[in-house]
C-alpha atoms as a PDB file:
ATOM      1  CA  MET A   1     158.255 187.438 139.820  1.00  0.00           C
ATOM      2  CA  ALA A   2     159.688 184.016 138.904  1.00  0.00           C
ATOM      3  CA  LYS A   3     159.551 182.748 135.346  1.00  0.00           C
ATOM      4  CA  PRO A   4     157.663 179.492 134.739  1.00  0.00           C
ATOM      5  CA  LEU A   5     159.882 176.535 133.825  1.00  0.00           C
ATOM      6  CA  ASN A   6     159.814 175.556 130.151  1.00  0.00           C
ATOM      7  CA  ASN A   7     159.320 171.781 130.129  1.00  0.00           C
ATOM      8  CA  SER A   8     160.379 170.591 126.696  1.00  0.00           C
ATOM      9  CA  GLY A   9     160.775 166.894 125.953  1.00  0.00           C
ATOM     10  CA  PHE A  10     158.883 163.716 126.785  1.00  0.00           C
ATOM     11  CA  THR A  11     157.836 162.281 130.087  1.00  0.00           C
ATOM     12  CA  LEU A  12     158.983 158.852 131.163  1.00  0.00           C
ATOM     13  CA  LEU A  13     155.455 157.516 130.722  1.00  0.00           C
ATOM     14  CA  GLU A  14     155.285 158.732 127.108  1.00  0.00           C
ATOM     15  CA  LEU A  15     158.608 157.050 126.321  1.00  0.00           C
ATOM     16  CA  LEU A  16     157.447 153.765 127.861  1.00  0.00           C
ATOM     17  CA  VAL A  17     154.222 153.833 125.817  1.00  0.00           C
ATOM     18  CA  VAL A  18     156.212 154.341 122.606  1.00  0.00           C
ATOM     19  CA  LEU A  19     158.563 151.439 123.505  1.00  0.00           C
ATOM     20  CA  VAL A  20     155.628 149.119 124.212  1.00  0.00           C
ATOM     21  CA  VAL A  21     154.004 150.000 120.858  1.00  0.00           C
ATOM     22  CA  ILE A  22     157.295 149.336 119.029  1.00  0.00           C
ATOM     23  CA  ALA A  23     157.755 145.994 120.838  1.00  0.00           C
ATOM     24  CA  ILE A  24     154.234 144.830 119.952  1.00  0.00           C
ATOM     25  CA  GLY A  25     154.677 145.867 116.314  1.00  0.00           C
ATOM     26  CA  THR A  26     158.017 144.043 116.083  1.00  0.00           C
ATOM     27  CA  ALA A  27     156.529 140.888 117.581  1.00  0.00           C
ATOM     28  CA  LEU A  28     153.646 140.905 115.092  1.00  0.00           C
ATOM     29  CA  VAL A  29     155.925 141.453 112.098  1.00  0.00           C
ATOM     30  CA  SER A  30     158.396 138.744 113.135  1.00  0.00           C
ATOM     31  CA  ALA A  31     155.560 136.253 113.714  1.00  0.00           C
ATOM     32  CA  LYS A  32     154.344 136.841 110.149  1.00  0.00           C
ATOM     33  CA  LEU A  33     157.819 136.612 108.626  1.00  0.00           C
ATOM     34  CA  LEU A  34     158.891 133.391 110.335  1.00  0.00           C
ATOM     35  CA  PRO A  35     157.215 130.482 108.543  1.00  0.00           C
ATOM     36  CA  ASP A  36     155.666 127.783 110.682  1.00  0.00           C
ATOM     37  CA  ASP A  37     156.234 124.045 110.155  1.00  0.00           C
ATOM     38  CA  GLN A  38     152.732 123.489 108.776  1.00  0.00           C
ATOM     39  CA  ARG A  39     153.101 126.102 106.033  1.00  0.00           C
ATOM     40  CA  LEU A  40     156.563 124.804 105.081  1.00  0.00           C
ATOM     41  CA  LEU A  41     155.205 121.280 104.984  1.00  0.00           C
ATOM     42  CA  ASP A  42     152.320 122.383 102.732  1.00  0.00           C
ATOM     43  CA  GLN A  43     154.819 123.800 100.235  1.00  0.00           C
ATOM     44  CA  GLU A  44     156.945 120.652 100.281  1.00  0.00           C
ATOM     45  CA  ALA A  45     153.890 118.396  99.921  1.00  0.00           C
ATOM     46  CA  GLU A  46     152.531 120.409  96.965  1.00  0.00           C
ATOM     47  CA  ARG A  47     155.906 120.189  95.223  1.00  0.00           C
ATOM     48  CA  LEU A  48     156.126 116.439  95.846  1.00  0.00           C
ATOM     49  CA  ALA A  49     152.554 115.877  94.608  1.00  0.00           C
ATOM     50  CA  GLN A  50     153.418 117.556  91.307  1.00  0.00           C
ATOM     51  CA  ILE A  51     156.653 115.603  90.882  1.00  0.00           C
ATOM     52  CA  LEU A  52     154.976 112.263  91.715  1.00  0.00           C
ATOM     53  CA  THR A  53     152.205 112.987  89.200  1.00  0.00           C
ATOM     54  CA  ILE A  54     154.825 113.667  86.519  1.00  0.00           C
ATOM     55  CA  ALA A  55     156.612 110.423  87.437  1.00  0.00           C
ATOM     56  CA  GLN A  56     153.351 108.440  87.231  1.00  0.00           C
ATOM     57  CA  GLU A  57     152.600 109.906  83.795  1.00  0.00           C
ATOM     58  CA  GLU A  58     156.123 109.101  82.595  1.00  0.00           C
ATOM     59  CA  ALA A  59     155.829 105.509  83.876  1.00  0.00           C
ATOM     60  CA  GLU A  60     152.621 105.086  81.862  1.00  0.00           C
ATOM     61  CA  MET A  61     154.001 106.781  78.709  1.00  0.00           C
ATOM     62  CA  LYS A  62     157.263 104.807  78.696  1.00  0.00           C
ATOM     63  CA  ALA A  63     155.573 101.566  79.816  1.00  0.00           C
ATOM     64  CA  THR A  64     158.068 100.970  82.614  1.00  0.00           C
ATOM     65  CA  ASN A  65     157.783 101.019  86.398  1.00  0.00           C
ATOM     66  CA  ILE A  66     159.420 103.930  88.200  1.00  0.00           C
ATOM     67  CA  THR A  67     160.417 103.620  91.846  1.00  0.00           C
ATOM     68  CA  PHE A  68     160.326 106.586  94.224  1.00  0.00           C
ATOM     69  CA  ARG A  69     162.681 106.351  97.221  1.00  0.00           C
ATOM     70  CA  ALA A  70     162.745 108.896 100.025  1.00  0.00           C
ATOM     71  CA  SER A  71     165.507 109.495 102.552  1.00  0.00           C
ATOM     72  CA  ALA A  72     166.220 112.048 105.263  1.00  0.00           C
ATOM     73  CA  SER A  73     167.987 114.307 102.773  1.00  0.00           C
ATOM     74  CA  GLY A  74     165.661 114.029  99.775  1.00  0.00           C
ATOM     75  CA  PHE A  75     164.367 111.587  97.186  1.00  0.00           C
ATOM     76  CA  VAL A  76     165.293 109.820  93.961  1.00  0.00           C
ATOM     77  CA  PHE A  77     163.444 108.100  91.146  1.00  0.00           C
ATOM     78  CA  THR A  78     164.848 104.919  89.629  1.00  0.00           C
ATOM     79  CA  ARG A  79     163.717 102.616  86.846  1.00  0.00           C
ATOM     80  CA  PRO A  80     164.936  99.224  85.673  1.00  0.00           C
ATOM     81  CA  ASN A  81     167.146  98.821  82.661  1.00  0.00           C
ATOM     82  CA  ASP A  82     169.032  95.878  81.169  1.00  0.00           C
ATOM     83  CA  GLU A  83     171.740  96.076  83.853  1.00  0.00           C
ATOM     84  CA  GLY A  84     169.484  96.463  86.902  1.00  0.00           C
ATOM     85  CA  VAL A  85     168.095  99.563  88.564  1.00  0.00           C
ATOM     86  CA  MET A  86     169.674 102.937  87.821  1.00  0.00           C
ATOM     87  CA  GLN A  87     168.905 106.454  88.957  1.00  0.00           C
ATOM     88  CA  ILE A  88     167.134 108.704  86.499  1.00  0.00           C
ATOM     89  CA  ILE A  89     169.570 111.572  86.289  1.00  0.00           C
ATOM     90  CA  LYS A  90     168.986 113.052  82.825  1.00  0.00           C
ATOM     91  CA  ASP A  91     165.399 114.097  83.413  1.00  0.00           C
ATOM     92  CA  ASP A  92     164.778 117.661  84.649  1.00  0.00           C
ATOM     93  CA  PHE A  93     161.759 116.642  86.687  1.00  0.00           C
ATOM     94  CA  LEU A  94     162.824 113.242  88.019  1.00  0.00           C
ATOM     95  CA  SER A  95     166.474 113.841  88.830  1.00  0.00           C
ATOM     96  CA  PRO A  96     167.471 113.323  92.494  1.00  0.00           C
ATOM     97  CA  LYS A  97     166.213 116.170  94.660  1.00  0.00           C
ATOM     98  CA  ASN A  98     166.868 117.401  98.186  1.00  0.00           C
ATOM     99  CA  TRP A  99     164.047 118.371 100.485  1.00  0.00           C
ATOM    100  CA  GLN A 100     163.617 122.139 100.428  1.00  0.00           C
ATOM    101  CA  GLN A 101     163.197 122.107 104.206  1.00  0.00           C
ATOM    102  CA  THR A 102     165.254 120.292 106.829  1.00  0.00           C
ATOM    103  CA  ASP A 103     163.995 117.493 109.074  1.00  0.00           C
ATOM    104  CA  ILE A 104     161.363 116.173 106.640  1.00  0.00           C
ATOM    105  CA  GLN A 105     160.330 112.571 107.229  1.00  0.00           C
ATOM    106  CA  LEU A 106     158.246 110.625 104.725  1.00  0.00           C
ATOM    107  CA  THR A 107     156.323 107.368 105.091  1.00  0.00           C
ATOM    108  CA  VAL A 108     154.600 105.588 102.201  1.00  0.00           C
ATOM    109  CA  GLN A 109     151.517 103.509 103.014  1.00  0.00           C
ATOM    110  CA  THR A 110     150.252 101.004 100.435  1.00  0.00           C
ATOM    111  CA  GLN A 111     147.873  98.164 101.235  1.00  0.00           C
ATOM    112  CA  GLY A 112     148.633  98.317 104.944  1.00  0.00           C
ATOM    113  CA  THR A 113     152.423  98.298 104.596  1.00  0.00           C
ATOM    114  CA  PHE A 114     154.711 101.191 105.479  1.00  0.00           C
ATOM    115  CA  SER A 115     158.001 102.048 103.783  1.00  0.00           C
ATOM    116  CA  SER A 116     159.982 104.893 102.255  1.00  0.00           C
ATOM    117  CA  GLU A 117     159.543 103.491  98.731  1.00  0.00           C
ATOM    118  CA  LEU A 118     156.713 103.650  96.197  1.00  0.00           C
ATOM    119  CA  ILE A 119     156.522 101.847  92.865  1.00  0.00           C
ATOM    120  CA  LEU A 120     154.709 103.856  90.209  1.00  0.00           C
ATOM    121  CA  LYS A 121     153.431 101.201  87.810  1.00  0.00           C
ATOM    122  CA  SER A 122     153.371 101.438  84.047  1.00  0.00           C
ATOM    123  CA  GLU A 123     149.656 100.595  83.938  1.00  0.00           C
ATOM    124  CA  PRO A 124     147.147 103.003  85.456  1.00  0.00           C
ATOM    125  CA  SER A 125     146.481 101.821  88.985  1.00  0.00           C
ATOM    126  CA  ALA A 126     143.577 102.393  91.330  1.00  0.00           C
ATOM    127  CA  GLU A 127     145.613 100.858  94.165  1.00  0.00           C
ATOM    128  CA  PRO A 128     145.210 103.083  97.222  1.00  0.00           C
ATOM    129  CA  CYS A 129     148.339 104.872  98.271  1.00  0.00           C
ATOM    130  CA  ALA A 130     149.115 107.581 100.819  1.00  0.00           C
ATOM    131  CA  LEU A 131     152.302 109.387 101.733  1.00  0.00           C
ATOM    132  CA  GLU A 132     152.732 111.134 105.068  1.00  0.00           C
ATOM    133  CA  LEU A 133     155.198 113.998 105.334  1.00  0.00           C
ATOM    134  CA  ARG A 134     156.229 115.069 108.837  1.00  0.00           C
ATOM    135  CA  LYS A 135     158.212 118.019 110.133  1.00  0.00           C
ATOM    136  CA  GLY A 136     158.281 118.465 113.890  1.00  0.00           C
ATOM    137  CA  THR A 137     154.724 118.068 115.147  1.00  0.00           C
ATOM    138  CA  ALA A 138     153.173 118.984 111.779  1.00  0.00           C
ATOM    139  CA  SER A 139     152.128 116.360 109.229  1.00  0.00           C
ATOM    140  CA  ARG A 140     150.507 116.331 105.798  1.00  0.00           C
ATOM    141  CA  TRP A 141     149.112 113.514 103.657  1.00  0.00           C
ATOM    142  CA  LEU A 142     149.357 113.011  99.912  1.00  0.00           C
ATOM    143  CA  VAL A 143     146.954 110.526  98.336  1.00  0.00           C
ATOM    144  CA  ARG A 144     146.946 109.000  94.884  1.00  0.00           C
ATOM    145  CA  LEU A 145     143.657 109.556  93.084  1.00  0.00           C
ATOM    146  CA  ASN A 146     142.124 107.066  90.618  1.00  0.00           C
ATOM    147  CA  THR A 147     143.532 109.219  87.816  1.00  0.00           C
ATOM    148  CA  GLY A 148     147.099 108.551  88.976  1.00  0.00           C
ATOM    149  CA  ARG A 149     147.507 112.121  90.182  1.00  0.00           C
ATOM    150  CA  PHE A 150     148.649 112.890  93.707  1.00  0.00           C
ATOM    151  CA  ARG A 151     146.827 115.422  95.852  1.00  0.00           C
ATOM    152  CA  LEU A 152     147.523 117.112  99.166  1.00  0.00           C
ATOM    153  CA  VAL A 153     144.862 116.323 101.749  1.00  0.00           C
ATOM    154  CA  LYS A 154     144.441 118.991 104.412  1.00  0.00           C
ATOM    155  CA  SER A 155     142.893 117.707 107.600  1.00  0.00           C
END
């Protein structure tokens, strides 16, 4: 009488099922770990809103206009002195900063004009102002409230 064969191990179908489960799990984890442009832009806009609010408060406290200028690499704050306009470099909050993300574009809209510059006036201002941050196809808007604070507007 012949002995039955002892089949130990996995079938090809079982191995394929395990590989498919691993591939799906890896795809889900990597999708969660890789930040999307919109989330990165939200973080950058929140940071900028806080810094602009600090700059507005400083302009009012020191009774001098502060100018915000954005570029492809980051932004600076300047204010006039006796010799002209100089960068504020001694202030922890208003020193020149780089964007935390790459490829950020910023447009400032005040009274129908567009630029990369915003003057934060020494007197409280109710003048409407909006800043659009763009990264790829994502965009976010910051608006200045009547209080002088800046707020992220999510559409």
